[in-house]
Amino acid sequence: MSTAIRGAGGLALAGGTLVVAALLLRGPLEASMALHMVVQLPMIAVGGALAGRALTGKSARVAGAVARWDAHGLAGLVWLLLASAYWMVPRALEQPLTMPLAEAGKFASLFMLGFLLPGALARAAAVIQLFFLGNFCAMMAIAGLLYQDMAQRLCNAYSLNDQVVTGVGLVVASIGIAAAWCVWQLPALANQADHA
């Protein structure tokens, strides 16, 4: 068995484990708004990213089909904004607690986001990444600030205190994602400076 196939199998196993853990730990994770939004949702997306890397790394045909469909990373990055905007709406976050179809939709939409996002980022130029990730981080930070500043509960299922903690988590996550993207872009910026 080649190293690439073993590596793809390991990624698929890790991705599947994260998604199954997000499903099996649904009760405790969804009992808290902060854990639901800042832990479970990213677990599903990261699981999708690992599974996507495994599948596209193992099958050139699948990788080519995704690349043709997601030229310049636009489809994956648009999906990032759509899926994340939807799951930041308090009512949308509450629906999976009582509606199995909404829970299935949450898992499917976030798994697909994770599946598409790494390839989309690899295909997108830095300016396109900046546009979409900048919008994503700004949207997440603004939602986090609103969650903290609202005097009433936005979700019937979660306490006001939990809402504030979730807001802090969203602001911290948005800063962390923006900083990580900047660090990731440093080598490319250094190469541009050397060639200038």
N, C-alpha and C. Protein backbone atom coordinates (compact mmCIF):
# COMPACT_ATOMS: atom_id res chain seq x y z
N MET A 1 0.86 -1.19 0.00
CA MET A 1 0.00 0.00 0.00
C MET A 1 0.89 1.24 0.00
N SER A 2 0.61 2.17 -0.90
CA SER A 2 1.46 3.35 -1.01
C SER A 2 1.25 4.30 0.16
N THR A 3 2.23 5.16 0.36
CA THR A 3 2.16 6.14 1.45
C THR A 3 1.00 7.11 1.23
N ALA A 4 0.75 7.49 -0.03
CA ALA A 4 -0.34 8.43 -0.33
C ALA A 4 -1.69 7.83 0.05
N ILE A 5 -1.88 6.55 -0.25
CA ILE A 5 -3.16 5.90 0.07
C ILE A 5 -3.32 5.77 1.58
N ARG A 6 -2.23 5.41 2.26
CA ARG A 6 -2.29 5.32 3.73
C ARG A 6 -2.58 6.68 4.33
N GLY A 7 -1.94 7.73 3.79
CA GLY A 7 -2.19 9.09 4.29
C GLY A 7 -3.62 9.51 4.06
N ALA A 8 -4.17 9.18 2.88
CA ALA A 8 -5.56 9.51 2.57
C ALA A 8 -6.50 8.76 3.50
N GLY A 9 -6.17 7.49 3.77
CA GLY A 9 -6.99 6.71 4.69
C GLY A 9 -6.98 7.29 6.09
N GLY A 10 -5.82 7.76 6.53
CA GLY A 10 -5.71 8.38 7.85
C GLY A 10 -6.52 9.67 7.94
N LEU A 11 -6.46 10.47 6.87
CA LEU A 11 -7.25 11.71 6.84
C LEU A 11 -8.75 11.41 6.86
N ALA A 12 -9.15 10.42 6.07
CA ALA A 12 -10.57 10.05 6.03
C ALA A 12 -11.04 9.54 7.38
N LEU A 13 -10.20 8.74 8.03
CA LEU A 13 -10.55 8.22 9.36
C LEU A 13 -10.67 9.36 10.38
N ALA A 14 -9.72 10.29 10.34
CA ALA A 14 -9.77 11.43 11.27
C ALA A 14 -11.00 12.29 11.01
N GLY A 15 -11.31 12.54 9.74
CA GLY A 15 -12.49 13.32 9.39
C GLY A 15 -13.77 12.64 9.82
N GLY A 16 -13.85 11.35 9.55
CA GLY A 16 -15.03 10.59 9.97
C GLY A 16 -15.19 10.56 11.47
N THR A 17 -14.07 10.43 12.17
CA THR A 17 -14.11 10.41 13.64
C THR A 17 -14.65 11.73 14.19
N LEU A 18 -14.21 12.84 13.62
CA LEU A 18 -14.70 14.15 14.08
C LEU A 18 -16.21 14.30 13.86
N VAL A 19 -16.66 13.89 12.69
CA VAL A 19 -18.10 14.03 12.38
C VAL A 19 -18.93 13.11 13.27
N VAL A 20 -18.46 11.87 13.45
CA VAL A 20 -19.19 10.93 14.32
C VAL A 20 -19.17 11.43 15.76
N ALA A 21 -18.04 11.99 16.21
CA ALA A 21 -17.97 12.54 17.57
C ALA A 21 -18.94 13.71 17.72
N ALA A 22 -19.03 14.56 16.70
CA ALA A 22 -19.98 15.69 16.76
C ALA A 22 -21.41 15.19 16.84
N LEU A 23 -21.68 14.05 16.20
CA LEU A 23 -23.03 13.48 16.25
C LEU A 23 -23.29 12.78 17.58
N LEU A 24 -22.33 11.97 18.03
CA LEU A 24 -22.52 11.22 19.27
C LEU A 24 -22.55 12.12 20.50
N LEU A 25 -21.79 13.22 20.45
CA LEU A 25 -21.75 14.17 21.57
C LEU A 25 -22.76 15.29 21.38
N ARG A 26 -23.73 15.05 20.52
CA ARG A 26 -24.74 16.06 20.20
C ARG A 26 -25.41 16.63 21.45
N GLY A 27 -25.80 15.78 22.36
CA GLY A 27 -26.50 16.22 23.57
C GLY A 27 -25.70 17.24 24.37
N PRO A 28 -24.48 16.86 24.82
CA PRO A 28 -23.70 17.83 25.61
C PRO A 28 -23.25 19.06 24.81
N LEU A 29 -22.92 18.87 23.53
CA LEU A 29 -22.45 20.01 22.73
C LEU A 29 -23.57 20.99 22.43
N GLU A 30 -24.77 20.48 22.17
CA GLU A 30 -25.88 21.36 21.83
C GLU A 30 -26.61 21.89 23.06
N ALA A 31 -26.22 21.43 24.25
CA ALA A 31 -26.82 21.94 25.48
C ALA A 31 -26.35 23.36 25.78
N SER A 32 -25.20 23.73 25.22
CA SER A 32 -24.63 25.06 25.43
C SER A 32 -24.52 25.76 24.07
N MET A 33 -24.97 27.00 24.00
CA MET A 33 -24.87 27.76 22.75
C MET A 33 -23.41 27.91 22.32
N ALA A 34 -22.54 28.16 23.29
CA ALA A 34 -21.12 28.34 22.98
C ALA A 34 -20.52 27.06 22.41
N LEU A 35 -20.79 25.92 23.05
CA LEU A 35 -20.25 24.66 22.55
C LEU A 35 -20.88 24.29 21.21
N HIS A 36 -22.14 24.59 21.06
CA HIS A 36 -22.83 24.29 19.80
C HIS A 36 -22.18 25.07 18.65
N MET A 37 -22.03 26.38 18.84
CA MET A 37 -21.57 27.22 17.75
C MET A 37 -20.05 27.21 17.58
N VAL A 38 -19.31 27.21 18.68
CA VAL A 38 -17.86 27.40 18.60
C VAL A 38 -17.10 26.07 18.62
N VAL A 39 -17.77 24.96 18.98
CA VAL A 39 -17.09 23.66 19.00
C VAL A 39 -17.72 22.70 17.99
N GLN A 40 -19.03 22.44 18.10
CA GLN A 40 -19.63 21.41 17.24
C GLN A 40 -19.62 21.80 15.76
N LEU A 41 -20.01 23.02 15.44
CA LEU A 41 -20.05 23.43 14.03
C LEU A 41 -18.67 23.34 13.38
N PRO A 42 -17.60 23.86 14.02
CA PRO A 42 -16.27 23.68 13.43
C PRO A 42 -15.82 22.22 13.36
N MET A 43 -16.24 21.38 14.33
CA MET A 43 -15.88 19.95 14.27
C MET A 43 -16.40 19.32 12.98
N ILE A 44 -17.63 19.64 12.63
CA ILE A 44 -18.23 19.07 11.42
C ILE A 44 -17.49 19.58 10.18
N ALA A 45 -17.19 20.88 10.15
CA ALA A 45 -16.49 21.46 9.00
C ALA A 45 -15.08 20.91 8.86
N VAL A 46 -14.36 20.77 9.97
CA VAL A 46 -13.00 20.22 9.92
C VAL A 46 -13.05 18.75 9.49
N GLY A 47 -14.06 18.02 9.98
CA GLY A 47 -14.24 16.64 9.53
C GLY A 47 -14.45 16.57 8.03
N GLY A 48 -15.25 17.47 7.49
CA GLY A 48 -15.46 17.53 6.04
C GLY A 48 -14.18 17.90 5.30
N ALA A 49 -13.39 18.80 5.87
CA ALA A 49 -12.12 19.19 5.24
C ALA A 49 -11.16 18.02 5.17
N LEU A 50 -11.05 17.26 6.26
CA LEU A 50 -10.16 16.10 6.26
C LEU A 50 -10.63 15.03 5.29
N ALA A 51 -11.94 14.77 5.27
CA ALA A 51 -12.48 13.79 4.33
C ALA A 51 -12.29 14.26 2.89
N GLY A 52 -12.49 15.54 2.65
CA GLY A 52 -12.29 16.08 1.31
C GLY A 52 -10.86 15.98 0.85
N ARG A 53 -9.93 16.27 1.74
CA ARG A 53 -8.50 16.14 1.40
C ARG A 53 -8.16 14.69 1.08
N ALA A 54 -8.74 13.77 1.86
CA ALA A 54 -8.49 12.35 1.62
C ALA A 54 -9.02 11.93 0.26
N LEU A 55 -10.24 12.34 -0.07
CA LEU A 55 -10.85 11.92 -1.33
C LEU A 55 -10.17 12.56 -2.53
N THR A 56 -9.92 13.86 -2.47
CA THR A 56 -9.28 14.53 -3.61
C THR A 56 -7.82 14.13 -3.74
N GLY A 57 -7.17 13.79 -2.62
CA GLY A 57 -5.79 13.32 -2.69
C GLY A 57 -5.67 11.92 -3.25
N LYS A 58 -6.70 11.12 -3.06
CA LYS A 58 -6.69 9.73 -3.50
C LYS A 58 -7.17 9.58 -4.94
N SER A 59 -8.07 10.45 -5.37
CA SER A 59 -8.69 10.32 -6.70
C SER A 59 -8.46 11.59 -7.51
N ALA A 60 -7.62 11.49 -8.54
CA ALA A 60 -7.36 12.64 -9.40
C ALA A 60 -8.63 13.03 -10.15
N ARG A 61 -9.49 12.06 -10.43
CA ARG A 61 -10.74 12.35 -11.14
C ARG A 61 -11.65 13.24 -10.30
N VAL A 62 -11.78 12.90 -9.02
CA VAL A 62 -12.61 13.71 -8.12
C VAL A 62 -11.99 15.10 -7.95
N ALA A 63 -10.67 15.14 -7.76
CA ALA A 63 -9.99 16.43 -7.59
C ALA A 63 -10.19 17.31 -8.82
N GLY A 64 -10.09 16.72 -10.01
CA GLY A 64 -10.29 17.48 -11.25
C GLY A 64 -11.71 17.99 -11.39
N ALA A 65 -12.68 17.14 -11.03
CA ALA A 65 -14.08 17.55 -11.13
C ALA A 65 -14.38 18.70 -10.17
N VAL A 66 -13.87 18.62 -8.95
CA VAL A 66 -14.10 19.69 -7.98
C VAL A 66 -13.41 20.98 -8.45
N ALA A 67 -12.19 20.86 -8.98
CA ALA A 67 -11.46 22.04 -9.45
C ALA A 67 -12.18 22.71 -10.62
N ARG A 68 -12.75 21.91 -11.52
CA ARG A 68 -13.49 22.50 -12.66
C ARG A 68 -14.76 23.20 -12.17
N TRP A 69 -15.43 22.60 -11.22
CA TRP A 69 -16.67 23.15 -10.70
C TRP A 69 -16.42 24.39 -9.84
N ASP A 70 -15.27 24.42 -9.18
CA ASP A 70 -14.95 25.49 -8.23
C ASP A 70 -13.77 26.32 -8.74
N ALA A 71 -13.89 26.81 -9.96
CA ALA A 71 -12.81 27.60 -10.55
C ALA A 71 -12.51 28.82 -9.70
N HIS A 72 -11.26 29.07 -9.48
CA HIS A 72 -10.78 30.21 -8.69
C HIS A 72 -11.26 30.18 -7.24
N GLY A 73 -11.83 29.06 -6.81
CA GLY A 73 -12.28 28.92 -5.42
C GLY A 73 -13.55 29.67 -5.09
N LEU A 74 -14.22 30.23 -6.09
CA LEU A 74 -15.38 31.08 -5.82
C LEU A 74 -16.56 30.32 -5.23
N ALA A 75 -16.85 29.14 -5.75
CA ALA A 75 -18.01 28.39 -5.23
C ALA A 75 -17.81 28.02 -3.76
N GLY A 76 -16.62 27.54 -3.43
CA GLY A 76 -16.34 27.17 -2.04
C GLY A 76 -16.37 28.37 -1.10
N LEU A 77 -15.86 29.49 -1.56
CA LEU A 77 -15.83 30.68 -0.71
C LEU A 77 -17.22 31.32 -0.57
N VAL A 78 -18.02 31.26 -1.63
CA VAL A 78 -19.41 31.73 -1.51
C VAL A 78 -20.17 30.83 -0.53
N TRP A 79 -19.92 29.51 -0.61
CA TRP A 79 -20.57 28.58 0.32
C TRP A 79 -20.14 28.89 1.76
N LEU A 80 -18.89 29.30 1.96
CA LEU A 80 -18.43 29.70 3.30
C LEU A 80 -19.31 30.81 3.85
N LEU A 81 -19.55 31.84 3.05
CA LEU A 81 -20.36 32.97 3.52
C LEU A 81 -21.82 32.57 3.73
N LEU A 82 -22.38 31.79 2.81
CA LEU A 82 -23.79 31.40 2.94
C LEU A 82 -24.03 30.50 4.15
N ALA A 83 -23.23 29.45 4.26
CA ALA A 83 -23.43 28.49 5.36
C ALA A 83 -23.16 29.14 6.71
N SER A 84 -22.09 29.91 6.80
CA SER A 84 -21.76 30.52 8.09
C SER A 84 -22.79 31.58 8.47
N ALA A 85 -23.27 32.36 7.50
CA ALA A 85 -24.30 33.37 7.80
C ALA A 85 -25.56 32.69 8.31
N TYR A 86 -25.95 31.60 7.67
CA TYR A 86 -27.17 30.91 8.09
C TYR A 86 -27.03 30.37 9.52
N TRP A 87 -25.91 29.72 9.82
CA TRP A 87 -25.77 29.09 11.14
C TRP A 87 -25.42 30.08 12.24
N MET A 88 -25.20 31.36 11.91
CA MET A 88 -25.03 32.38 12.95
C MET A 88 -26.36 33.00 13.36
N VAL A 89 -27.42 32.71 12.61
CA VAL A 89 -28.75 33.22 12.96
C VAL A 89 -29.27 32.39 14.14
N PRO A 90 -29.63 33.04 15.24
CA PRO A 90 -30.04 32.29 16.43
C PRO A 90 -31.17 31.29 16.19
N ARG A 91 -32.17 31.67 15.42
CA ARG A 91 -33.30 30.75 15.17
C ARG A 91 -32.83 29.52 14.41
N ALA A 92 -31.93 29.71 13.45
CA ALA A 92 -31.39 28.58 12.69
C ALA A 92 -30.59 27.65 13.61
N LEU A 93 -29.85 28.23 14.54
CA LEU A 93 -29.06 27.42 15.47
C LEU A 93 -29.95 26.62 16.41
N GLU A 94 -31.12 27.15 16.70
CA GLU A 94 -32.06 26.50 17.61
C GLU A 94 -32.83 25.35 16.96
N GLN A 95 -33.09 25.45 15.68
CA GLN A 95 -33.92 24.45 15.00
C GLN A 95 -33.39 23.01 15.10
N PRO A 96 -32.09 22.77 14.96
CA PRO A 96 -31.62 21.38 15.06
C PRO A 96 -31.87 20.73 16.42
N LEU A 97 -32.14 21.52 17.44
CA LEU A 97 -32.40 20.95 18.76
C LEU A 97 -33.70 20.15 18.78
N THR A 98 -34.65 20.53 17.94
CA THR A 98 -35.97 19.87 17.97
C THR A 98 -36.39 19.30 16.62
N MET A 99 -35.65 19.62 15.56
CA MET A 99 -36.05 19.17 14.22
C MET A 99 -34.94 18.32 13.60
N PRO A 100 -35.16 17.01 13.46
CA PRO A 100 -34.14 16.13 12.88
C PRO A 100 -33.71 16.55 11.48
N LEU A 101 -34.63 17.06 10.68
CA LEU A 101 -34.28 17.49 9.33
C LEU A 101 -33.31 18.68 9.37
N ALA A 102 -33.51 19.60 10.29
CA ALA A 102 -32.59 20.73 10.45
C ALA A 102 -31.23 20.25 10.92
N GLU A 103 -31.21 19.24 11.80
CA GLU A 103 -29.94 18.66 12.26
C GLU A 103 -29.19 18.03 11.09
N ALA A 104 -29.92 17.29 10.25
CA ALA A 104 -29.30 16.68 9.07
C ALA A 104 -28.78 17.75 8.12
N GLY A 105 -29.55 18.83 7.95
CA GLY A 105 -29.11 19.93 7.10
C GLY A 105 -27.87 20.62 7.64
N LYS A 106 -27.80 20.74 8.96
CA LYS A 106 -26.61 21.35 9.58
C LYS A 106 -25.38 20.50 9.27
N PHE A 107 -25.48 19.20 9.51
CA PHE A 107 -24.34 18.32 9.26
C PHE A 107 -23.95 18.33 7.78
N ALA A 108 -24.94 18.26 6.89
CA ALA A 108 -24.65 18.22 5.45
C ALA A 108 -24.02 19.53 4.98
N SER A 109 -24.57 20.67 5.39
CA SER A 109 -24.06 21.95 4.90
C SER A 109 -22.66 22.24 5.41
N LEU A 110 -22.40 21.90 6.67
CA LEU A 110 -21.07 22.18 7.22
C LEU A 110 -20.03 21.17 6.75
N PHE A 111 -20.44 19.91 6.54
CA PHE A 111 -19.53 18.92 5.98
C PHE A 111 -19.13 19.35 4.57
N MET A 112 -20.11 19.80 3.77
CA MET A 112 -19.83 20.28 2.42
C MET A 112 -18.92 21.51 2.45
N LEU A 113 -19.14 22.40 3.40
CA LEU A 113 -18.26 23.56 3.56
C LEU A 113 -16.83 23.11 3.79
N GLY A 114 -16.64 22.20 4.73
CA GLY A 114 -15.30 21.70 5.01
C GLY A 114 -14.69 20.99 3.81
N PHE A 115 -15.51 20.23 3.09
CA PHE A 115 -15.05 19.51 1.91
C PHE A 115 -14.51 20.47 0.86
N LEU A 116 -15.22 21.58 0.64
CA LEU A 116 -14.87 22.51 -0.43
C LEU A 116 -13.80 23.54 -0.05
N LEU A 117 -13.76 23.96 1.20
CA LEU A 117 -12.96 25.13 1.58
C LEU A 117 -11.45 24.99 1.35
N PRO A 118 -10.79 23.89 1.73
CA PRO A 118 -9.33 23.84 1.51
C PRO A 118 -8.95 23.97 0.03
N GLY A 119 -9.68 23.29 -0.85
CA GLY A 119 -9.40 23.41 -2.28
C GLY A 119 -9.71 24.80 -2.80
N ALA A 120 -10.79 25.39 -2.31
CA ALA A 120 -11.16 26.74 -2.74
C ALA A 120 -10.07 27.74 -2.35
N LEU A 121 -9.55 27.61 -1.14
CA LEU A 121 -8.47 28.51 -0.71
C LEU A 121 -7.21 28.29 -1.55
N ALA A 122 -6.94 27.04 -1.90
CA ALA A 122 -5.74 26.75 -2.71
C ALA A 122 -5.87 27.33 -4.12
N ARG A 123 -7.09 27.36 -4.66
CA ARG A 123 -7.30 27.86 -6.03
C ARG A 123 -7.49 29.37 -6.09
N ALA A 124 -7.89 29.99 -5.01
CA ALA A 124 -8.21 31.43 -5.02
C ALA A 124 -6.95 32.27 -4.88
N ALA A 125 -6.91 33.36 -5.60
CA ALA A 125 -5.82 34.32 -5.45
C ALA A 125 -5.94 34.99 -4.08
N ALA A 126 -4.85 35.55 -3.61
CA ALA A 126 -4.83 36.16 -2.27
C ALA A 126 -5.89 37.26 -2.13
N VAL A 127 -6.11 38.04 -3.17
CA VAL A 127 -7.09 39.13 -3.08
C VAL A 127 -8.51 38.58 -2.95
N ILE A 128 -8.80 37.46 -3.61
CA ILE A 128 -10.12 36.82 -3.48
C ILE A 128 -10.27 36.24 -2.08
N GLN A 129 -9.22 35.59 -1.59
CA GLN A 129 -9.25 35.07 -0.22
C GLN A 129 -9.50 36.19 0.77
N LEU A 130 -8.79 37.30 0.60
CA LEU A 130 -8.94 38.44 1.51
C LEU A 130 -10.37 38.96 1.50
N PHE A 131 -10.96 39.07 0.32
CA PHE A 131 -12.34 39.56 0.21
C PHE A 131 -13.30 38.65 0.98
N PHE A 132 -13.24 37.36 0.71
CA PHE A 132 -14.20 36.44 1.32
C PHE A 132 -13.91 36.20 2.80
N LEU A 133 -12.65 35.96 3.14
CA LEU A 133 -12.33 35.73 4.55
C LEU A 133 -12.50 37.00 5.38
N GLY A 134 -12.21 38.15 4.77
CA GLY A 134 -12.45 39.42 5.47
C GLY A 134 -13.93 39.61 5.79
N ASN A 135 -14.78 39.30 4.81
CA ASN A 135 -16.23 39.38 5.05
C ASN A 135 -16.68 38.37 6.10
N PHE A 136 -16.15 37.16 6.02
CA PHE A 136 -16.50 36.11 6.98
C PHE A 136 -16.10 36.52 8.40
N CYS A 137 -14.86 37.00 8.56
CA CYS A 137 -14.39 37.39 9.90
C CYS A 137 -15.16 38.60 10.43
N ALA A 138 -15.44 39.56 9.56
CA ALA A 138 -16.21 40.74 9.99
C ALA A 138 -17.62 40.33 10.41
N MET A 139 -18.25 39.46 9.62
CA MET A 139 -19.60 38.99 9.95
C MET A 139 -19.60 38.25 11.30
N MET A 140 -18.59 37.41 11.50
CA MET A 140 -18.52 36.65 12.75
C MET A 140 -18.27 37.58 13.94
N ALA A 141 -17.39 38.56 13.78
CA ALA A 141 -17.10 39.49 14.87
C ALA A 141 -18.33 40.35 15.19
N ILE A 142 -19.02 40.82 14.17
CA ILE A 142 -20.22 41.64 14.41
C ILE A 142 -21.31 40.82 15.09
N ALA A 143 -21.50 39.59 14.64
CA ALA A 143 -22.49 38.71 15.30
C ALA A 143 -22.09 38.49 16.75
N GLY A 144 -20.80 38.29 16.99
CA GLY A 144 -20.32 38.10 18.36
C GLY A 144 -20.57 39.31 19.24
N LEU A 145 -20.32 40.50 18.69
CA LEU A 145 -20.57 41.72 19.46
C LEU A 145 -22.06 41.91 19.73
N LEU A 146 -22.89 41.60 18.74
CA LEU A 146 -24.34 41.70 18.95
C LEU A 146 -24.81 40.70 20.01
N TYR A 147 -24.28 39.49 19.97
CA TYR A 147 -24.65 38.49 20.99
C TYR A 147 -24.31 39.00 22.38
N GLN A 148 -23.19 39.71 22.50
CA GLN A 148 -22.76 40.21 23.81
C GLN A 148 -23.60 41.42 24.26
N ASP A 149 -24.01 42.26 23.32
CA ASP A 149 -24.68 43.51 23.67
C ASP A 149 -26.19 43.41 23.84
N MET A 150 -26.79 42.36 23.32
CA MET A 150 -28.25 42.23 23.40
C MET A 150 -28.69 42.02 24.84
N ALA A 151 -29.69 42.77 25.24
CA ALA A 151 -30.20 42.67 26.62
C ALA A 151 -31.17 41.50 26.79
N GLN A 152 -31.70 40.98 25.68
CA GLN A 152 -32.62 39.85 25.78
C GLN A 152 -32.01 38.63 25.08
N ARG A 153 -32.54 37.47 25.45
CA ARG A 153 -32.07 36.22 24.84
C ARG A 153 -32.50 36.16 23.38
N LEU A 154 -31.59 35.73 22.53
CA LEU A 154 -31.90 35.57 21.12
C LEU A 154 -32.39 34.15 20.82
N CYS A 155 -32.00 33.21 21.66
CA CYS A 155 -32.41 31.81 21.52
C CYS A 155 -33.20 31.40 22.76
N ASN A 156 -34.36 30.82 22.56
CA ASN A 156 -35.16 30.36 23.70
C ASN A 156 -34.48 29.21 24.43
N ALA A 157 -33.68 28.44 23.73
CA ALA A 157 -33.07 27.24 24.31
C ALA A 157 -31.81 27.55 25.13
N TYR A 158 -31.28 28.76 25.01
CA TYR A 158 -30.01 29.08 25.66
C TYR A 158 -30.16 30.31 26.55
N SER A 159 -29.37 30.35 27.61
CA SER A 159 -29.45 31.46 28.56
C SER A 159 -28.75 32.71 28.01
N LEU A 160 -29.04 33.83 28.61
CA LEU A 160 -28.40 35.09 28.23
C LEU A 160 -26.90 35.03 28.50
N ASN A 161 -26.53 34.40 29.60
CA ASN A 161 -25.11 34.23 29.94
C ASN A 161 -24.39 33.43 28.87
N ASP A 162 -25.01 32.34 28.42
CA ASP A 162 -24.43 31.50 27.38
C ASP A 162 -24.30 32.28 26.07
N GLN A 163 -25.26 33.14 25.80
CA GLN A 163 -25.22 33.99 24.61
C GLN A 163 -24.01 34.92 24.65
N VAL A 164 -23.74 35.49 25.81
CA VAL A 164 -22.58 36.40 25.96
C VAL A 164 -21.28 35.63 25.75
N VAL A 165 -21.18 34.44 26.34
CA VAL A 165 -19.97 33.61 26.17
C VAL A 165 -19.79 33.25 24.69
N THR A 166 -20.88 32.92 24.02
CA THR A 166 -20.82 32.62 22.59
C THR A 166 -20.32 33.83 21.81
N GLY A 167 -20.81 35.00 22.15
CA GLY A 167 -20.36 36.22 21.49
C GLY A 167 -18.87 36.45 21.64
N VAL A 168 -18.36 36.23 22.84
CA VAL A 168 -16.92 36.35 23.07
C VAL A 168 -16.17 35.33 22.21
N GLY A 169 -16.68 34.10 22.18
CA GLY A 169 -16.05 33.05 21.38
C GLY A 169 -16.01 33.39 19.91
N LEU A 170 -17.08 33.98 19.39
CA LEU A 170 -17.11 34.36 17.98
C LEU A 170 -16.11 35.47 17.67
N VAL A 171 -16.01 36.45 18.56
CA VAL A 171 -15.04 37.54 18.34
C VAL A 171 -13.61 36.99 18.38
N VAL A 172 -13.32 36.15 19.37
CA VAL A 172 -11.98 35.56 19.48
C VAL A 172 -11.68 34.71 18.25
N ALA A 173 -12.65 33.90 17.81
CA ALA A 173 -12.45 33.06 16.63
C ALA A 173 -12.20 33.90 15.39
N SER A 174 -12.93 35.01 15.24
CA SER A 174 -12.74 35.85 14.05
C SER A 174 -11.34 36.47 14.04
N ILE A 175 -10.87 36.90 15.19
CA ILE A 175 -9.51 37.45 15.28
C ILE A 175 -8.48 36.36 15.00
N GLY A 176 -8.70 35.17 15.56
CA GLY A 176 -7.78 34.06 15.34
C GLY A 176 -7.70 33.65 13.88
N ILE A 177 -8.84 33.57 13.21
CA ILE A 177 -8.86 33.19 11.79
C ILE A 177 -8.16 34.26 10.95
N ALA A 178 -8.42 35.53 11.23
CA ALA A 178 -7.77 36.61 10.48
C ALA A 178 -6.26 36.58 10.69
N ALA A 179 -5.83 36.38 11.93
CA ALA A 179 -4.39 36.32 12.22
C ALA A 179 -3.75 35.10 11.56
N ALA A 180 -4.42 33.96 11.59
CA ALA A 180 -3.89 32.74 10.96
C ALA A 180 -3.74 32.94 9.46
N TRP A 181 -4.72 33.60 8.82
CA TRP A 181 -4.62 33.84 7.39
C TRP A 181 -3.44 34.75 7.08
N CYS A 182 -3.24 35.78 7.89
CA CYS A 182 -2.10 36.70 7.68
C CYS A 182 -0.77 35.96 7.80
N VAL A 183 -0.65 35.11 8.81
CA VAL A 183 0.59 34.33 8.98
C VAL A 183 0.78 33.39 7.80
N TRP A 184 -0.32 32.78 7.34
CA TRP A 184 -0.26 31.86 6.20
C TRP A 184 0.20 32.58 4.93
N GLN A 185 -0.13 33.86 4.80
CA GLN A 185 0.22 34.63 3.61
C GLN A 185 1.63 35.24 3.68
N LEU A 186 2.27 35.21 4.85
CA LEU A 186 3.60 35.83 4.99
C LEU A 186 4.63 35.30 3.98
N PRO A 187 4.76 33.98 3.76
CA PRO A 187 5.75 33.52 2.78
C PRO A 187 5.49 34.07 1.38
N ALA A 188 4.23 34.14 0.96
CA ALA A 188 3.91 34.68 -0.36
C ALA A 188 4.28 36.16 -0.44
N LEU A 189 4.01 36.90 0.63
CA LEU A 189 4.36 38.32 0.64
C LEU A 189 5.87 38.51 0.62
N ALA A 190 6.59 37.64 1.33
CA ALA A 190 8.06 37.72 1.33
C ALA A 190 8.61 37.44 -0.06
N ASN A 191 8.03 36.47 -0.77
CA ASN A 191 8.46 36.18 -2.14
C ASN A 191 8.20 37.35 -3.07
N GLN A 192 7.05 38.01 -2.91
CA GLN A 192 6.75 39.17 -3.74
C GLN A 192 7.73 40.31 -3.46
N ALA A 193 8.10 40.49 -2.20
CA ALA A 193 9.05 41.55 -1.85
C ALA A 193 10.42 41.25 -2.43
N ASP A 194 10.82 39.97 -2.46
CA ASP A 194 12.12 39.59 -3.02
C ASP A 194 12.16 39.81 -4.53
N HIS A 195 11.04 39.62 -5.21
CA HIS A 195 11.00 39.76 -6.67
C HIS A 195 10.78 41.20 -7.10
N ALA A 196 10.43 42.08 -6.16
CA ALA A 196 10.15 43.47 -6.52
C ALA A 196 11.42 44.27 -6.66
